[in-house]
Amino acid sequence: MPSERYFFAPEIAAEFRRLIGIAMKVPDTTHVQQSLKHAEPVRLKLRVNYSYPEGVPLQSMPSTLLMNLPKLPPELDYRVVGHDLVLRDTIGNLIVDLIPNAMP
């Protein structure tokens, strides 16, 4: 049975969780947490290869957190949905992959 994971293989997901953990432990972690709380929180169940729902806000990523993650090409972005880290195709509005429970 094929896996739904395309980019975030278990080893890669573990590394992303580690990088996110580092970003959340720095002295300025309150900035990251406040940024996530002040943004319009999104909580919904997403599936790989499905569209990001129309009309649902795209929660922005705190710059402190983005600096700790690999840079993406312009046609992809990271989003936080609940505790999940989502990789989204910005052109097709498609969920490319996600890491469940990536955010503490």
PDB file of N, CA and C in Angstrom:
ATOM      1  N   MET A   1       0.856  -1.179   0.000  1.00  0.00           N
ATOM      2  CA  MET A   1       0.000   0.000   0.000  1.00  0.00           C
ATOM      3  C   MET A   1       0.901   1.240   0.000  1.00  0.00           C
ATOM      4  N   PRO A   2       0.742   2.149  -0.968  1.00  0.00           N
ATOM      5  CA  PRO A   2       1.595   3.337  -1.024  1.00  0.00           C
ATOM      6  C   PRO A   2       1.296   4.308   0.106  1.00  0.00           C
ATOM      7  N   SER A   3       2.334   4.997   0.537  1.00  0.00           N
ATOM      8  CA  SER A   3       2.198   5.992   1.603  1.00  0.00           C
ATOM      9  C   SER A   3       1.684   7.301   1.035  1.00  0.00           C
ATOM     10  N   GLU A   4       0.946   8.057   1.844  1.00  0.00           N
ATOM     11  CA  GLU A   4       0.496   9.388   1.431  1.00  0.00           C
ATOM     12  C   GLU A   4       1.615  10.403   1.570  1.00  0.00           C
ATOM     13  N   ARG A   5       2.695  10.078   2.244  1.00  0.00           N
ATOM     14  CA  ARG A   5       3.799  11.004   2.472  1.00  0.00           C
ATOM     15  C   ARG A   5       4.684  11.039   1.248  1.00  0.00           C
ATOM     16  N   TYR A   6       4.906  12.225   0.713  1.00  0.00           N
ATOM     17  CA  TYR A   6       5.714  12.359  -0.487  1.00  0.00           C
ATOM     18  C   TYR A   6       7.027  13.072  -0.213  1.00  0.00           C
ATOM     19  N   PHE A   7       7.007  14.102   0.572  1.00  0.00           N
ATOM     20  CA  PHE A   7       8.203  14.873   0.868  1.00  0.00           C
ATOM     21  C   PHE A   7       8.679  14.634   2.291  1.00  0.00           C
ATOM     22  N   PHE A   8       7.756  14.520   3.200  1.00  0.00           N
ATOM     23  CA  PHE A   8       8.103  14.385   4.607  1.00  0.00           C
ATOM     24  C   PHE A   8       8.164  12.919   5.017  1.00  0.00           C
ATOM     25  N   ALA A   9       9.190  12.220   4.523  1.00  0.00           N
ATOM     26  CA  ALA A   9       9.432  10.846   4.970  1.00  0.00           C
ATOM     27  C   ALA A   9       9.672  10.904   6.474  1.00  0.00           C
ATOM     28  N   PRO A  10       9.549   9.790   7.193  1.00  0.00           N
ATOM     29  CA  PRO A  10       9.696   9.827   8.649  1.00  0.00           C
ATOM     30  C   PRO A  10      10.982  10.510   9.134  1.00  0.00           C
ATOM     31  N   GLU A  11      12.088  10.262   8.459  1.00  0.00           N
ATOM     32  CA  GLU A  11      13.348  10.885   8.873  1.00  0.00           C
ATOM     33  C   GLU A  11      13.314  12.401   8.670  1.00  0.00           C
ATOM     34  N   ILE A  12      12.724  12.834   7.577  1.00  0.00           N
ATOM     35  CA  ILE A  12      12.621  14.265   7.279  1.00  0.00           C
ATOM     36  C   ILE A  12      11.659  14.932   8.260  1.00  0.00           C
ATOM     37  N   ALA A  13      10.531  14.275   8.534  1.00  0.00           N
ATOM     38  CA  ALA A  13       9.567  14.811   9.503  1.00  0.00           C
ATOM     39  C   ALA A  13      10.214  14.961  10.875  1.00  0.00           C
ATOM     40  N   ALA A  14      11.026  13.985  11.261  1.00  0.00           N
ATOM     41  CA  ALA A  14      11.717  14.059  12.557  1.00  0.00           C
ATOM     42  C   ALA A  14      12.664  15.256  12.580  1.00  0.00           C
ATOM     43  N   GLU A  15      13.358  15.514  11.488  1.00  0.00           N
ATOM     44  CA  GLU A  15      14.269  16.656  11.425  1.00  0.00           C
ATOM     45  C   GLU A  15      13.488  17.975  11.493  1.00  0.00           C
ATOM     46  N   PHE A  16      12.350  18.066  10.816  1.00  0.00           N
ATOM     47  CA  PHE A  16      11.524  19.272  10.879  1.00  0.00           C
ATOM     48  C   PHE A  16      11.013  19.493  12.306  1.00  0.00           C
ATOM     49  N   ARG A  17      10.600  18.432  12.973  1.00  0.00           N
ATOM     50  CA  ARG A  17      10.152  18.573  14.366  1.00  0.00           C
ATOM     51  C   ARG A  17      11.297  19.079  15.245  1.00  0.00           C
ATOM     52  N   ARG A  18      12.511  18.574  14.985  1.00  0.00           N
ATOM     53  CA  ARG A  18      13.680  19.025  15.734  1.00  0.00           C
ATOM     54  C   ARG A  18      13.934  20.513  15.481  1.00  0.00           C
ATOM     55  N   LEU A  19      13.882  20.931  14.212  1.00  0.00           N
ATOM     56  CA  LEU A  19      14.108  22.341  13.870  1.00  0.00           C
ATOM     57  C   LEU A  19      13.038  23.246  14.477  1.00  0.00           C
ATOM     58  N   ILE A  20      11.802  22.795  14.449  1.00  0.00           N
ATOM     59  CA  ILE A  20      10.711  23.570  15.056  1.00  0.00           C
ATOM     60  C   ILE A  20      10.920  23.654  16.559  1.00  0.00           C
ATOM     61  N   GLY A  21      11.332  22.537  17.173  1.00  0.00           N
ATOM     62  CA  GLY A  21      11.605  22.520  18.609  1.00  0.00           C
ATOM     63  C   GLY A  21      12.689  23.510  18.985  1.00  0.00           C
ATOM     64  N   ILE A  22      13.737  23.601  18.171  1.00  0.00           N
ATOM     65  CA  ILE A  22      14.812  24.570  18.416  1.00  0.00           C
ATOM     66  C   ILE A  22      14.262  25.985  18.353  1.00  0.00           C
ATOM     67  N   ALA A  23      13.461  26.267  17.330  1.00  0.00           N
ATOM     68  CA  ALA A  23      12.894  27.606  17.178  1.00  0.00           C
ATOM     69  C   ALA A  23      11.985  27.963  18.346  1.00  0.00           C
ATOM     70  N   MET A  24      11.328  26.968  18.922  1.00  0.00           N
ATOM     71  CA  MET A  24      10.403  27.225  20.019  1.00  0.00           C
ATOM     72  C   MET A  24      11.116  27.321  21.375  1.00  0.00           C
ATOM     73  N   LYS A  25      12.418  26.963  21.425  1.00  0.00           N
ATOM     74  CA  LYS A  25      13.162  27.000  22.686  1.00  0.00           C
ATOM     75  C   LYS A  25      14.082  28.201  22.813  1.00  0.00           C
ATOM     76  N   VAL A  26      14.224  28.973  21.752  1.00  0.00           N
ATOM     77  CA  VAL A  26      15.118  30.136  21.828  1.00  0.00           C
ATOM     78  C   VAL A  26      14.547  31.150  22.807  1.00  0.00           C
ATOM     79  N   PRO A  27      15.381  32.060  23.319  1.00  0.00           N
ATOM     80  CA  PRO A  27      14.895  33.042  24.292  1.00  0.00           C
ATOM     81  C   PRO A  27      13.695  33.861  23.812  1.00  0.00           C
ATOM     82  N   ASP A  28      13.568  34.037  22.500  1.00  0.00           N
ATOM     83  CA  ASP A  28      12.476  34.846  21.971  1.00  0.00           C
ATOM     84  C   ASP A  28      11.268  33.980  21.589  1.00  0.00           C
ATOM     85  N   THR A  29      11.134  32.812  22.194  1.00  0.00           N
ATOM     86  CA  THR A  29      10.040  31.907  21.843  1.00  0.00           C
ATOM     87  C   THR A  29       8.661  32.511  22.082  1.00  0.00           C
ATOM     88  N   THR A  30       8.564  33.445  23.024  1.00  0.00           N
ATOM     89  CA  THR A  30       7.255  34.059  23.270  1.00  0.00           C
ATOM     90  C   THR A  30       6.773  34.785  22.030  1.00  0.00           C
ATOM     91  N   HIS A  31       7.704  35.338  21.247  1.00  0.00           N
ATOM     92  CA  HIS A  31       7.326  36.008  19.993  1.00  0.00           C
ATOM     93  C   HIS A  31       6.667  35.016  19.035  1.00  0.00           C
ATOM     94  N   VAL A  32       7.248  33.824  18.894  1.00  0.00           N
ATOM     95  CA  VAL A  32       6.691  32.804  18.000  1.00  0.00           C
ATOM     96  C   VAL A  32       5.321  32.376  18.500  1.00  0.00           C
ATOM     97  N   GLN A  33       5.213  32.077  19.784  1.00  0.00           N
ATOM     98  CA  GLN A  33       3.940  31.622  20.340  1.00  0.00           C
ATOM     99  C   GLN A  33       2.870  32.699  20.238  1.00  0.00           C
ATOM    100  N   GLN A  34       3.231  33.946  20.520  1.00  0.00           N
ATOM    101  CA  GLN A  34       2.251  35.030  20.424  1.00  0.00           C
ATOM    102  C   GLN A  34       1.818  35.238  18.988  1.00  0.00           C
ATOM    103  N   SER A  35       2.750  35.141  18.061  1.00  0.00           N
ATOM    104  CA  SER A  35       2.420  35.309  16.652  1.00  0.00           C
ATOM    105  C   SER A  35       1.419  34.254  16.202  1.00  0.00           C
ATOM    106  N   LEU A  36       1.639  33.013  16.621  1.00  0.00           N
ATOM    107  CA  LEU A  36       0.713  31.941  16.253  1.00  0.00           C
ATOM    108  C   LEU A  36      -0.651  32.133  16.908  1.00  0.00           C
ATOM    109  N   LYS A  37      -0.675  32.640  18.147  1.00  0.00           N
ATOM    110  CA  LYS A  37      -1.942  32.853  18.845  1.00  0.00           C
ATOM    111  C   LYS A  37      -2.715  34.046  18.280  1.00  0.00           C
ATOM    112  N   HIS A  38      -1.992  35.105  17.870  1.00  0.00           N
ATOM    113  CA  HIS A  38      -2.665  36.300  17.367  1.00  0.00           C
ATOM    114  C   HIS A  38      -3.189  36.128  15.946  1.00  0.00           C
ATOM    115  N   ALA A  39      -2.559  35.246  15.192  1.00  0.00           N
ATOM    116  CA  ALA A  39      -3.067  34.967  13.854  1.00  0.00           C
ATOM    117  C   ALA A  39      -4.394  34.234  14.006  1.00  0.00           C
ATOM    118  N   GLU A  40      -5.177  34.284  12.979  1.00  0.00           N
ATOM    119  CA  GLU A  40      -6.462  33.596  13.035  1.00  0.00           C
ATOM    120  C   GLU A  40      -6.204  32.090  13.032  1.00  0.00           C
ATOM    121  N   PRO A  41      -6.377  31.409  14.171  1.00  0.00           N
ATOM    122  CA  PRO A  41      -6.039  29.989  14.225  1.00  0.00           C
ATOM    123  C   PRO A  41      -6.935  29.161  13.307  1.00  0.00           C
ATOM    124  N   VAL A  42      -6.327  28.210  12.659  1.00  0.00           N
ATOM    125  CA  VAL A  42      -7.052  27.331  11.744  1.00  0.00           C
ATOM    126  C   VAL A  42      -6.975  25.923  12.310  1.00  0.00           C
ATOM    127  N   ARG A  43      -8.141  25.314  12.459  1.00  0.00           N
ATOM    128  CA  ARG A  43      -8.195  23.950  12.939  1.00  0.00           C
ATOM    129  C   ARG A  43      -9.144  23.183  12.034  1.00  0.00           C
ATOM    130  N   LEU A  44      -8.577  22.334  11.224  1.00  0.00           N
ATOM    131  CA  LEU A  44      -9.389  21.487  10.360  1.00  0.00           C
ATOM    132  C   LEU A  44      -8.551  20.299   9.934  1.00  0.00           C
ATOM    133  N   LYS A  45      -9.183  19.298   9.422  1.00  0.00           N
ATOM    134  CA  LYS A  45      -8.498  18.077   8.982  1.00  0.00           C
ATOM    135  C   LYS A  45      -8.178  18.230   7.499  1.00  0.00           C
ATOM    136  N   LEU A  46      -6.879  18.188   7.167  1.00  0.00           N
ATOM    137  CA  LEU A  46      -6.448  18.291   5.784  1.00  0.00           C
ATOM    138  C   LEU A  46      -5.925  16.951   5.309  1.00  0.00           C
ATOM    139  N   ARG A  47      -5.979  16.748   4.000  1.00  0.00           N
ATOM    140  CA  ARG A  47      -5.458  15.519   3.414  1.00  0.00           C
ATOM    141  C   ARG A  47      -4.521  15.858   2.271  1.00  0.00           C
ATOM    142  N   VAL A  48      -3.461  15.071   2.169  1.00  0.00           N
ATOM    143  CA  VAL A  48      -2.495  15.233   1.093  1.00  0.00           C
ATOM    144  C   VAL A  48      -3.191  15.022  -0.248  1.00  0.00           C
ATOM    145  N   ASN A  49      -2.815  15.840  -1.217  1.00  0.00           N
ATOM    146  CA  ASN A  49      -3.356  15.821  -2.587  1.00  0.00           C
ATOM    147  C   ASN A  49      -4.780  16.373  -2.691  1.00  0.00           C
ATOM    148  N   TYR A  50      -5.250  17.023  -1.647  1.00  0.00           N
ATOM    149  CA  TYR A  50      -6.543  17.696  -1.688  1.00  0.00           C
ATOM    150  C   TYR A  50      -6.292  19.198  -1.646  1.00  0.00           C
ATOM    151  N   SER A  51      -7.255  19.960  -2.097  1.00  0.00           N
ATOM    152  CA  SER A  51      -7.136  21.415  -2.070  1.00  0.00           C
ATOM    153  C   SER A  51      -7.271  21.945  -0.658  1.00  0.00           C
ATOM    154  N   TYR A  52      -6.568  23.048  -0.409  1.00  0.00           N
ATOM    155  CA  TYR A  52      -6.791  23.782   0.838  1.00  0.00           C
ATOM    156  C   TYR A  52      -8.169  24.415   0.692  1.00  0.00           C
ATOM    157  N   PRO A  53      -9.049  24.269   1.671  1.00  0.00           N
ATOM    158  CA  PRO A  53     -10.437  24.734   1.528  1.00  0.00           C
ATOM    159  C   PRO A  53     -10.546  26.229   1.217  1.00  0.00           C
ATOM    160  N   GLU A  54     -11.341  26.555   0.232  1.00  0.00           N
ATOM    161  CA  GLU A  54     -11.612  27.952  -0.128  1.00  0.00           C
ATOM    162  C   GLU A  54     -12.295  28.645   1.039  1.00  0.00           C
ATOM    163  N   GLY A  55     -11.942  29.887   1.275  1.00  0.00           N
ATOM    164  CA  GLY A  55     -12.574  30.678   2.319  1.00  0.00           C
ATOM    165  C   GLY A  55     -11.997  30.459   3.708  1.00  0.00           C
ATOM    166  N   VAL A  56     -11.100  29.489   3.862  1.00  0.00           N
ATOM    167  CA  VAL A  56     -10.462  29.243   5.156  1.00  0.00           C
ATOM    168  C   VAL A  56      -9.172  30.061   5.180  1.00  0.00           C
ATOM    169  N   PRO A  57      -8.960  30.863   6.229  1.00  0.00           N
ATOM    170  CA  PRO A  57      -7.756  31.701   6.265  1.00  0.00           C
ATOM    171  C   PRO A  57      -6.479  30.868   6.228  1.00  0.00           C
ATOM    172  N   LEU A  58      -5.449  31.462   5.646  1.00  0.00           N
ATOM    173  CA  LEU A  58      -4.121  30.862   5.642  1.00  0.00           C
ATOM    174  C   LEU A  58      -3.333  31.498   6.770  1.00  0.00           C
ATOM    175  N   GLN A  59      -3.090  30.750   7.834  1.00  0.00           N
ATOM    176  CA  GLN A  59      -2.354  31.297   8.965  1.00  0.00           C
ATOM    177  C   GLN A  59      -0.912  31.533   8.539  1.00  0.00           C
ATOM    178  N   SER A  60      -0.426  32.731   8.775  1.00  0.00           N
ATOM    179  CA  SER A  60       0.947  33.052   8.400  1.00  0.00           C
ATOM    180  C   SER A  60       1.924  32.386   9.359  1.00  0.00           C
ATOM    181  N   MET A  61       3.114  32.181   8.868  1.00  0.00           N
ATOM    182  CA  MET A  61       4.168  31.557   9.674  1.00  0.00           C
ATOM    183  C   MET A  61       5.017  32.644  10.310  1.00  0.00           C
ATOM    184  N   PRO A  62       5.303  32.556  11.589  1.00  0.00           N
ATOM    185  CA  PRO A  62       6.197  33.523  12.229  1.00  0.00           C
ATOM    186  C   PRO A  62       7.575  33.486  11.573  1.00  0.00           C
ATOM    187  N   SER A  63       8.151  34.645  11.325  1.00  0.00           N
ATOM    188  CA  SER A  63       9.446  34.705  10.645  1.00  0.00           C
ATOM    189  C   SER A  63      10.535  33.981  11.421  1.00  0.00           C
ATOM    190  N   THR A  64      10.476  34.023  12.747  1.00  0.00           N
ATOM    191  CA  THR A  64      11.466  33.324  13.572  1.00  0.00           C
ATOM    192  C   THR A  64      11.426  31.825  13.305  1.00  0.00           C
ATOM    193  N   LEU A  65      10.246  31.297  13.101  1.00  0.00           N
ATOM    194  CA  LEU A  65      10.101  29.874  12.812  1.00  0.00           C
ATOM    195  C   LEU A  65      10.553  29.582  11.380  1.00  0.00           C
ATOM    196  N   LEU A  66      10.164  30.431  10.436  1.00  0.00           N
ATOM    197  CA  LEU A  66      10.555  30.231   9.038  1.00  0.00           C
ATOM    198  C   LEU A  66      12.069  30.227   8.863  1.00  0.00           C
ATOM    199  N   MET A  67      12.763  31.046   9.636  1.00  0.00           N
ATOM    200  CA  MET A  67      14.219  31.110   9.514  1.00  0.00           C
ATOM    201  C   MET A  67      14.878  29.786   9.877  1.00  0.00           C
ATOM    202  N   ASN A  68      14.195  28.956  10.663  1.00  0.00           N
ATOM    203  CA  ASN A  68      14.750  27.672  11.078  1.00  0.00           C
ATOM    204  C   ASN A  68      14.415  26.540  10.115  1.00  0.00           C
ATOM    205  N   LEU A  69      13.521  26.786   9.171  1.00  0.00           N
ATOM    206  CA  LEU A  69      13.105  25.742   8.235  1.00  0.00           C
ATOM    207  C   LEU A  69      13.772  25.952   6.880  1.00  0.00           C
ATOM    208  N   PRO A  70      13.921  24.871   6.097  1.00  0.00           N
ATOM    209  CA  PRO A  70      14.508  25.025   4.765  1.00  0.00           C
ATOM    210  C   PRO A  70      13.699  26.004   3.911  1.00  0.00           C
ATOM    211  N   LYS A  71      14.409  26.818   3.139  1.00  0.00           N
ATOM    212  CA  LYS A  71      13.768  27.781   2.259  1.00  0.00           C
ATOM    213  C   LYS A  71      13.057  27.032   1.136  1.00  0.00           C
ATOM    214  N   LEU A  72      11.892  27.538   0.772  1.00  0.00           N
ATOM    215  CA  LEU A  72      11.079  26.915  -0.271  1.00  0.00           C
ATOM    216  C   LEU A  72      11.079  27.762  -1.537  1.00  0.00           C
ATOM    217  N   PRO A  73      10.837  27.131  -2.692  1.00  0.00           N
ATOM    218  CA  PRO A  73      10.645  27.918  -3.912  1.00  0.00           C
ATOM    219  C   PRO A  73       9.331  28.697  -3.791  1.00  0.00           C
ATOM    220  N   PRO A  74       9.159  29.751  -4.583  1.00  0.00           N
ATOM    221  CA  PRO A  74       7.970  30.611  -4.438  1.00  0.00           C
ATOM    222  C   PRO A  74       6.636  29.899  -4.640  1.00  0.00           C
ATOM    223  N   GLU A  75       6.628  28.784  -5.333  1.00  0.00           N
ATOM    224  CA  GLU A  75       5.356  28.100  -5.575  1.00  0.00           C
ATOM    225  C   GLU A  75       4.931  27.182  -4.424  1.00  0.00           C
ATOM    226  N   LEU A  76       5.725  27.162  -3.346  1.00  0.00           N
ATOM    227  CA  LEU A  76       5.375  26.380  -2.156  1.00  0.00           C
ATOM    228  C   LEU A  76       5.429  27.272  -0.929  1.00  0.00           C
ATOM    229  N   ASP A  77       4.610  26.942   0.071  1.00  0.00           N
ATOM    230  CA  ASP A  77       4.721  27.637   1.355  1.00  0.00           C
ATOM    231  C   ASP A  77       4.396  26.686   2.492  1.00  0.00           C
ATOM    232  N   TYR A  78       4.849  27.088   3.677  1.00  0.00           N
ATOM    233  CA  TYR A  78       4.531  26.370   4.909  1.00  0.00           C
ATOM    234  C   TYR A  78       3.329  27.048   5.545  1.00  0.00           C
ATOM    235  N   ARG A  79       2.459  26.253   6.143  1.00  0.00           N
ATOM    236  CA  ARG A  79       1.331  26.769   6.914  1.00  0.00           C
ATOM    237  C   ARG A  79       1.172  25.930   8.164  1.00  0.00           C
ATOM    238  N   VAL A  80       0.640  26.545   9.199  1.00  0.00           N
ATOM    239  CA  VAL A  80       0.320  25.823  10.425  1.00  0.00           C
ATOM    240  C   VAL A  80      -1.191  25.656  10.463  1.00  0.00           C
ATOM    241  N   VAL A  81      -1.626  24.431  10.645  1.00  0.00           N
ATOM    242  CA  VAL A  81      -3.049  24.125  10.795  1.00  0.00           C
ATOM    243  C   VAL A  81      -3.172  23.275  12.048  1.00  0.00           C
ATOM    244  N   GLY A  82      -3.711  23.880  13.101  1.00  0.00           N
ATOM    245  CA  GLY A  82      -3.738  23.202  14.399  1.00  0.00           C
ATOM    246  C   GLY A  82      -2.311  23.005  14.869  1.00  0.00           C
ATOM    247  N   HIS A  83      -1.894  21.757  15.031  1.00  0.00           N
ATOM    248  CA  HIS A  83      -0.515  21.433  15.412  1.00  0.00           C
ATOM    249  C   HIS A  83       0.269  20.855  14.244  1.00  0.00           C
ATOM    250  N   ASP A  84      -0.335  20.859  13.055  1.00  0.00           N
ATOM    251  CA  ASP A  84       0.304  20.269  11.888  1.00  0.00           C
ATOM    252  C   ASP A  84       1.055  21.317  11.076  1.00  0.00           C
ATOM    253  N   LEU A  85       2.184  20.913  10.493  1.00  0.00           N
ATOM    254  CA  LEU A  85       2.896  21.751   9.545  1.00  0.00           C
ATOM    255  C   LEU A  85       2.503  21.270   8.157  1.00  0.00           C
ATOM    256  N   VAL A  86       2.018  22.193   7.339  1.00  0.00           N
ATOM    257  CA  VAL A  86       1.498  21.862   6.021  1.00  0.00           C
ATOM    258  C   VAL A  86       2.419  22.449   4.962  1.00  0.00           C
ATOM    259  N   LEU A  87       2.696  21.660   3.926  1.00  0.00           N
ATOM    260  CA  LEU A  87       3.408  22.130   2.743  1.00  0.00           C
ATOM    261  C   LEU A  87       2.356  22.284   1.654  1.00  0.00           C
ATOM    262  N   ARG A  88       2.197  23.527   1.172  1.00  0.00           N
ATOM    263  CA  ARG A  88       1.108  23.842   0.234  1.00  0.00           C
ATOM    264  C   ARG A  88       1.663  24.371  -1.072  1.00  0.00           C
ATOM    265  N   ASP A  89       1.094  23.897  -2.169  1.00  0.00           N
ATOM    266  CA  ASP A  89       1.379  24.431  -3.501  1.00  0.00           C
ATOM    267  C   ASP A  89       0.541  25.700  -3.650  1.00  0.00           C
ATOM    268  N   THR A  90       1.213  26.853  -3.748  1.00  0.00           N
ATOM    269  CA  THR A  90       0.498  28.132  -3.777  1.00  0.00           C
ATOM    270  C   THR A  90      -0.227  28.365  -5.095  1.00  0.00           C
ATOM    271  N   ILE A  91       0.239  27.763  -6.166  1.00  0.00           N
ATOM    272  CA  ILE A  91      -0.385  27.967  -7.477  1.00  0.00           C
ATOM    273  C   ILE A  91      -1.684  27.171  -7.578  1.00  0.00           C
ATOM    274  N   GLY A  92      -1.629  25.905  -7.205  1.00  0.00           N
ATOM    275  CA  GLY A  92      -2.809  25.048  -7.302  1.00  0.00           C
ATOM    276  C   GLY A  92      -3.610  24.954  -6.018  1.00  0.00           C
ATOM    277  N   ASN A  93      -3.133  25.635  -4.927  1.00  0.00           N
ATOM    278  CA  ASN A  93      -3.793  25.581  -3.632  1.00  0.00           C
ATOM    279  C   ASN A  93      -3.974  24.138  -3.166  1.00  0.00           C
ATOM    280  N   LEU A  94      -2.936  23.325  -3.373  1.00  0.00           N
ATOM    281  CA  LEU A  94      -2.980  21.894  -3.108  1.00  0.00           C
ATOM    282  C   LEU A  94      -2.098  21.551  -1.908  1.00  0.00           C
ATOM    283  N   ILE A  95      -2.571  20.668  -1.057  1.00  0.00           N
ATOM    284  CA  ILE A  95      -1.778  20.180   0.068  1.00  0.00           C
ATOM    285  C   ILE A  95      -0.798  19.149  -0.491  1.00  0.00           C
ATOM    286  N   VAL A  96       0.479  19.504  -0.507  1.00  0.00           N
ATOM    287  CA  VAL A  96       1.506  18.624  -1.046  1.00  0.00           C
ATOM    288  C   VAL A  96       1.867  17.551  -0.031  1.00  0.00           C
ATOM    289  N   ASP A  97       2.000  17.958   1.216  1.00  0.00           N
ATOM    290  CA  ASP A  97       2.287  17.019   2.294  1.00  0.00           C
ATOM    291  C   ASP A  97       2.065  17.731   3.622  1.00  0.00           C
ATOM    292  N   LEU A  98       2.096  16.978   4.705  1.00  0.00           N
ATOM    293  CA  LEU A  98       1.955  17.582   6.032  1.00  0.00           C
ATOM    294  C   LEU A  98       2.648  16.718   7.064  1.00  0.00           C
ATOM    295  N   ILE A  99       3.010  17.365   8.154  1.00  0.00           N
ATOM    296  CA  ILE A  99       3.614  16.659   9.283  1.00  0.00           C
ATOM    297  C   ILE A  99       2.656  16.812  10.453  1.00  0.00           C
ATOM    298  N   PRO A 100       1.965  15.721  10.828  1.00  0.00           N
ATOM    299  CA  PRO A 100       1.051  15.796  11.963  1.00  0.00           C
ATOM    300  C   PRO A 100       1.809  16.102  13.260  1.00  0.00           C
ATOM    301  N   ASN A 101       1.198  16.905  14.084  1.00  0.00           N
ATOM    302  CA  ASN A 101       1.751  17.239  15.416  1.00  0.00           C
ATOM    303  C   ASN A 101       3.176  17.760  15.368  1.00  0.00           C
ATOM    304  N   ALA A 102       3.499  18.561  14.368  1.00  0.00           N
ATOM    305  CA  ALA A 102       4.838  19.143  14.252  1.00  0.00           C
ATOM    306  C   ALA A 102       5.024  20.313  15.214  1.00  0.00           C
ATOM    307  N   MET A 103       3.940  20.977  15.553  1.00  0.00           N
ATOM    308  CA  MET A 103       4.000  22.136  16.423  1.00  0.00           C
ATOM    309  C   MET A 103       3.671  21.721  17.861  1.00  0.00           C
ATOM    310  N   PRO A 104       4.474  22.211  18.813  1.00  0.00           N
ATOM    311  CA  PRO A 104       4.202  21.847  20.213  1.00  0.00           C
ATOM    312  C   PRO A 104       2.895  22.456  20.711  1.00  0.00           C
TER     313      PRO A 104
END
